[in-house]
Amino acid sequence: MELTKIRNLSDEELKHQEKTSAEQLFRIRFQVALGQNDGVKKLRQLRKEIAQIKTVARERELGIHGEAGEEQQASPAKTKTVKSEQEAPVVEAKAVKAEKAEASHKAKTAKVKKAGSKAGSAAKAKTGKTKKAAASAKKKTGKAKGASK
């Protein structure tokens, strides 16, 4: 089913279509497991269809896109103002979320670098070499430095 057709369905029809697609997916998976069917293409198609249906349902739940009938009844001027008012907080929230994610990523990277340098210096103190140098020596000789039989 195409995305435009999915968007034109009502909420009840969406739920019904999702249930029937999920049931078909279950049956095909069962047949594939038994070796009766090689429906790989159909499996992919059904998974994609279910994902599209769930996406459209979630969009409607959040108010991003309403039902097809509701959008056509609303006047174009009202739709544009409502849409721009709704997009502004969403864009700001996404920017704040991205900044937080970037800050946490930088903090994690700094922790990893710090832990790596501590581990390298500890290995250097024991063997006189860093972990990387010790690992390359181990690869060359087949055993770790200082290891005996």
Protein backbone atom coordinates (compact mmCIF):
# COMPACT_ATOMS: atom_id res chain seq x y z
CA MET A 1 0.00 0.00 0.00
CA GLU A 2 1.36 3.43 -0.90
CA LEU A 3 1.95 6.16 1.65
CA THR A 4 -0.66 8.46 0.08
CA LYS A 5 -3.28 5.73 0.42
CA ILE A 6 -2.26 5.15 4.03
CA ARG A 7 -2.56 8.87 4.80
CA ASN A 8 -6.07 8.91 3.30
CA LEU A 9 -7.31 6.19 5.68
CA SER A 10 -9.25 7.10 8.81
CA ASP A 11 -7.91 6.23 12.25
CA GLU A 12 -10.14 3.14 12.51
CA GLU A 13 -9.11 1.95 9.06
CA LEU A 14 -5.45 2.48 10.01
CA LYS A 15 -5.83 0.26 13.07
CA HIS A 16 -7.60 -2.40 11.02
CA GLN A 17 -4.94 -2.28 8.28
CA GLU A 18 -2.16 -2.55 10.86
CA LYS A 19 -3.79 -5.62 12.43
CA THR A 20 -4.27 -7.36 9.08
CA SER A 21 -0.71 -6.57 7.99
CA ALA A 22 0.69 -7.83 11.29
CA GLU A 23 -1.34 -11.01 10.94
CA GLN A 24 -0.07 -11.55 7.38
CA LEU A 25 3.47 -10.95 8.57
CA PHE A 26 3.03 -13.56 11.31
CA ARG A 27 1.67 -16.12 8.85
CA ILE A 28 4.48 -15.55 6.35
CA ARG A 29 7.14 -15.76 9.07
CA PHE A 30 5.60 -19.02 10.21
CA GLN A 31 5.63 -20.42 6.66
CA VAL A 32 9.25 -19.36 6.14
CA ALA A 33 10.23 -21.05 9.41
CA LEU A 34 8.59 -24.26 8.22
CA GLY A 35 10.28 -23.96 4.84
CA GLN A 36 7.00 -23.71 2.94
CA ASN A 37 7.59 -20.21 1.60
CA ASP A 38 10.49 -18.07 0.47
CA GLY A 39 8.61 -14.78 0.96
CA VAL A 40 11.54 -12.52 1.77
CA LYS A 41 10.27 -9.77 -0.49
CA LYS A 42 6.77 -9.95 0.99
CA LEU A 43 8.22 -9.90 4.53
CA ARG A 44 10.13 -6.70 3.81
CA GLN A 45 7.09 -5.13 2.17
CA LEU A 46 4.83 -5.94 5.12
CA ARG A 47 7.33 -4.66 7.70
CA LYS A 48 7.65 -1.43 5.73
CA GLU A 49 3.88 -1.08 5.45
CA ILE A 50 3.39 -1.62 9.19
CA ALA A 51 6.08 0.97 9.94
CA GLN A 52 4.40 3.49 7.64
CA ILE A 53 1.02 2.88 9.25
CA LYS A 54 2.47 3.34 12.73
CA THR A 55 4.26 6.50 11.62
CA VAL A 56 1.10 8.05 10.20
CA ALA A 57 -0.83 7.11 13.36
CA ARG A 58 1.84 8.70 15.55
CA GLU A 59 1.90 11.84 13.41
CA ARG A 60 -1.83 12.19 13.89
CA GLU A 61 -1.47 11.57 17.61
CA LEU A 62 1.09 14.36 17.88
CA GLY A 63 -0.93 16.63 15.63
CA ILE A 64 1.71 16.84 12.91
CA HIS A 65 -0.68 15.61 10.23
CA GLY A 66 -4.39 15.21 10.79
CA GLU A 67 -6.78 12.98 8.93
CA ALA A 68 -7.11 13.74 5.22
CA GLY A 69 -10.66 15.07 5.61
CA GLU A 70 -9.68 17.45 8.43
CA GLU A 71 -6.81 18.96 6.44
CA GLN A 72 -9.00 19.68 3.43
CA GLN A 73 -11.74 21.31 5.52
CA ALA A 74 -9.37 23.72 7.29
CA SER A 75 -8.69 26.98 5.54
CA PRO A 76 -5.18 27.38 4.07
CA ALA A 77 -4.43 30.56 6.08
CA LYS A 78 -5.26 28.86 9.39
CA THR A 79 -3.23 25.80 8.51
CA LYS A 80 -0.11 27.85 7.78
CA THR A 81 -0.26 29.87 11.00
CA VAL A 82 -0.94 26.83 13.15
CA LYS A 83 1.83 24.91 11.44
CA SER A 84 4.42 27.68 11.91
CA GLU A 85 3.41 28.14 15.56
CA GLN A 86 3.78 24.41 16.17
CA GLU A 87 7.10 24.13 14.34
CA ALA A 88 8.84 26.90 16.33
CA PRO A 89 8.80 25.09 19.72
CA VAL A 90 9.65 21.80 18.06
CA VAL A 91 12.68 23.29 16.31
CA GLU A 92 13.85 24.93 19.54
CA ALA A 93 13.38 21.70 21.49
CA LYS A 94 15.37 19.77 18.89
CA ALA A 95 18.20 22.32 19.05
CA VAL A 96 18.37 22.08 22.85
CA LYS A 97 18.30 18.30 22.68
CA ALA A 98 21.11 18.29 20.10
CA GLU A 99 23.22 20.57 22.29
CA LYS A 100 22.73 18.30 25.30
CA ALA A 101 23.63 15.24 23.26
CA GLU A 102 26.77 16.93 21.94
CA ALA A 103 27.82 17.99 25.45
CA SER A 104 27.33 14.48 26.83
CA HIS A 105 29.25 13.03 23.87
CA LYS A 106 32.16 15.40 24.55
CA ALA A 107 32.13 14.44 28.25
CA LYS A 108 32.16 10.73 27.41
CA THR A 109 34.99 11.21 24.92
CA ALA A 110 37.01 13.11 27.51
CA LYS A 111 36.45 10.33 30.08
CA VAL A 112 37.52 7.66 27.60
CA LYS A 113 40.66 9.59 26.65
CA LYS A 114 41.51 10.16 30.29
CA ALA A 115 40.97 6.49 31.17
CA GLY A 116 43.01 5.44 28.14
CA SER A 117 45.93 7.64 29.13
CA LYS A 118 45.84 6.28 32.68
CA ALA A 119 45.81 2.70 31.42
CA GLY A 120 48.64 3.44 29.00
CA SER A 121 50.79 5.01 31.70
CA ALA A 122 50.09 2.10 34.07
CA ALA A 123 51.16 -0.39 31.42
CA LYS A 124 54.22 1.71 30.65
CA ALA A 125 55.17 1.75 34.32
CA LYS A 126 55.00 -2.06 34.50
CA THR A 127 56.66 -2.99 31.21
CA GLY A 128 58.33 0.16 30.07
CA LYS A 129 56.02 0.20 27.03
CA THR A 130 52.49 1.38 26.37
CA LYS A 131 49.68 -1.11 25.83
CA LYS A 132 49.85 -0.67 22.06
CA ALA A 133 53.58 -1.31 22.01
CA ALA A 134 53.19 -4.33 24.29
CA ALA A 135 50.39 -5.69 22.09
CA SER A 136 52.49 -5.33 18.94
CA ALA A 137 55.42 -7.05 20.68
CA LYS A 138 53.07 -9.86 21.68
CA LYS A 139 51.92 -10.28 18.09
CA LYS A 140 55.49 -10.44 16.81
CA THR A 141 56.79 -12.94 19.37
CA GLY A 142 53.61 -14.85 20.04
CA LYS A 143 53.79 -14.25 23.77
CA ALA A 144 53.71 -11.34 26.15
CA LYS A 145 56.89 -9.78 27.42
CA GLY A 146 57.92 -11.33 30.69
CA ALA A 147 55.71 -14.37 30.18
CA SER A 148 57.42 -17.69 30.70
CA LYS A 149 56.41 -21.34 30.34
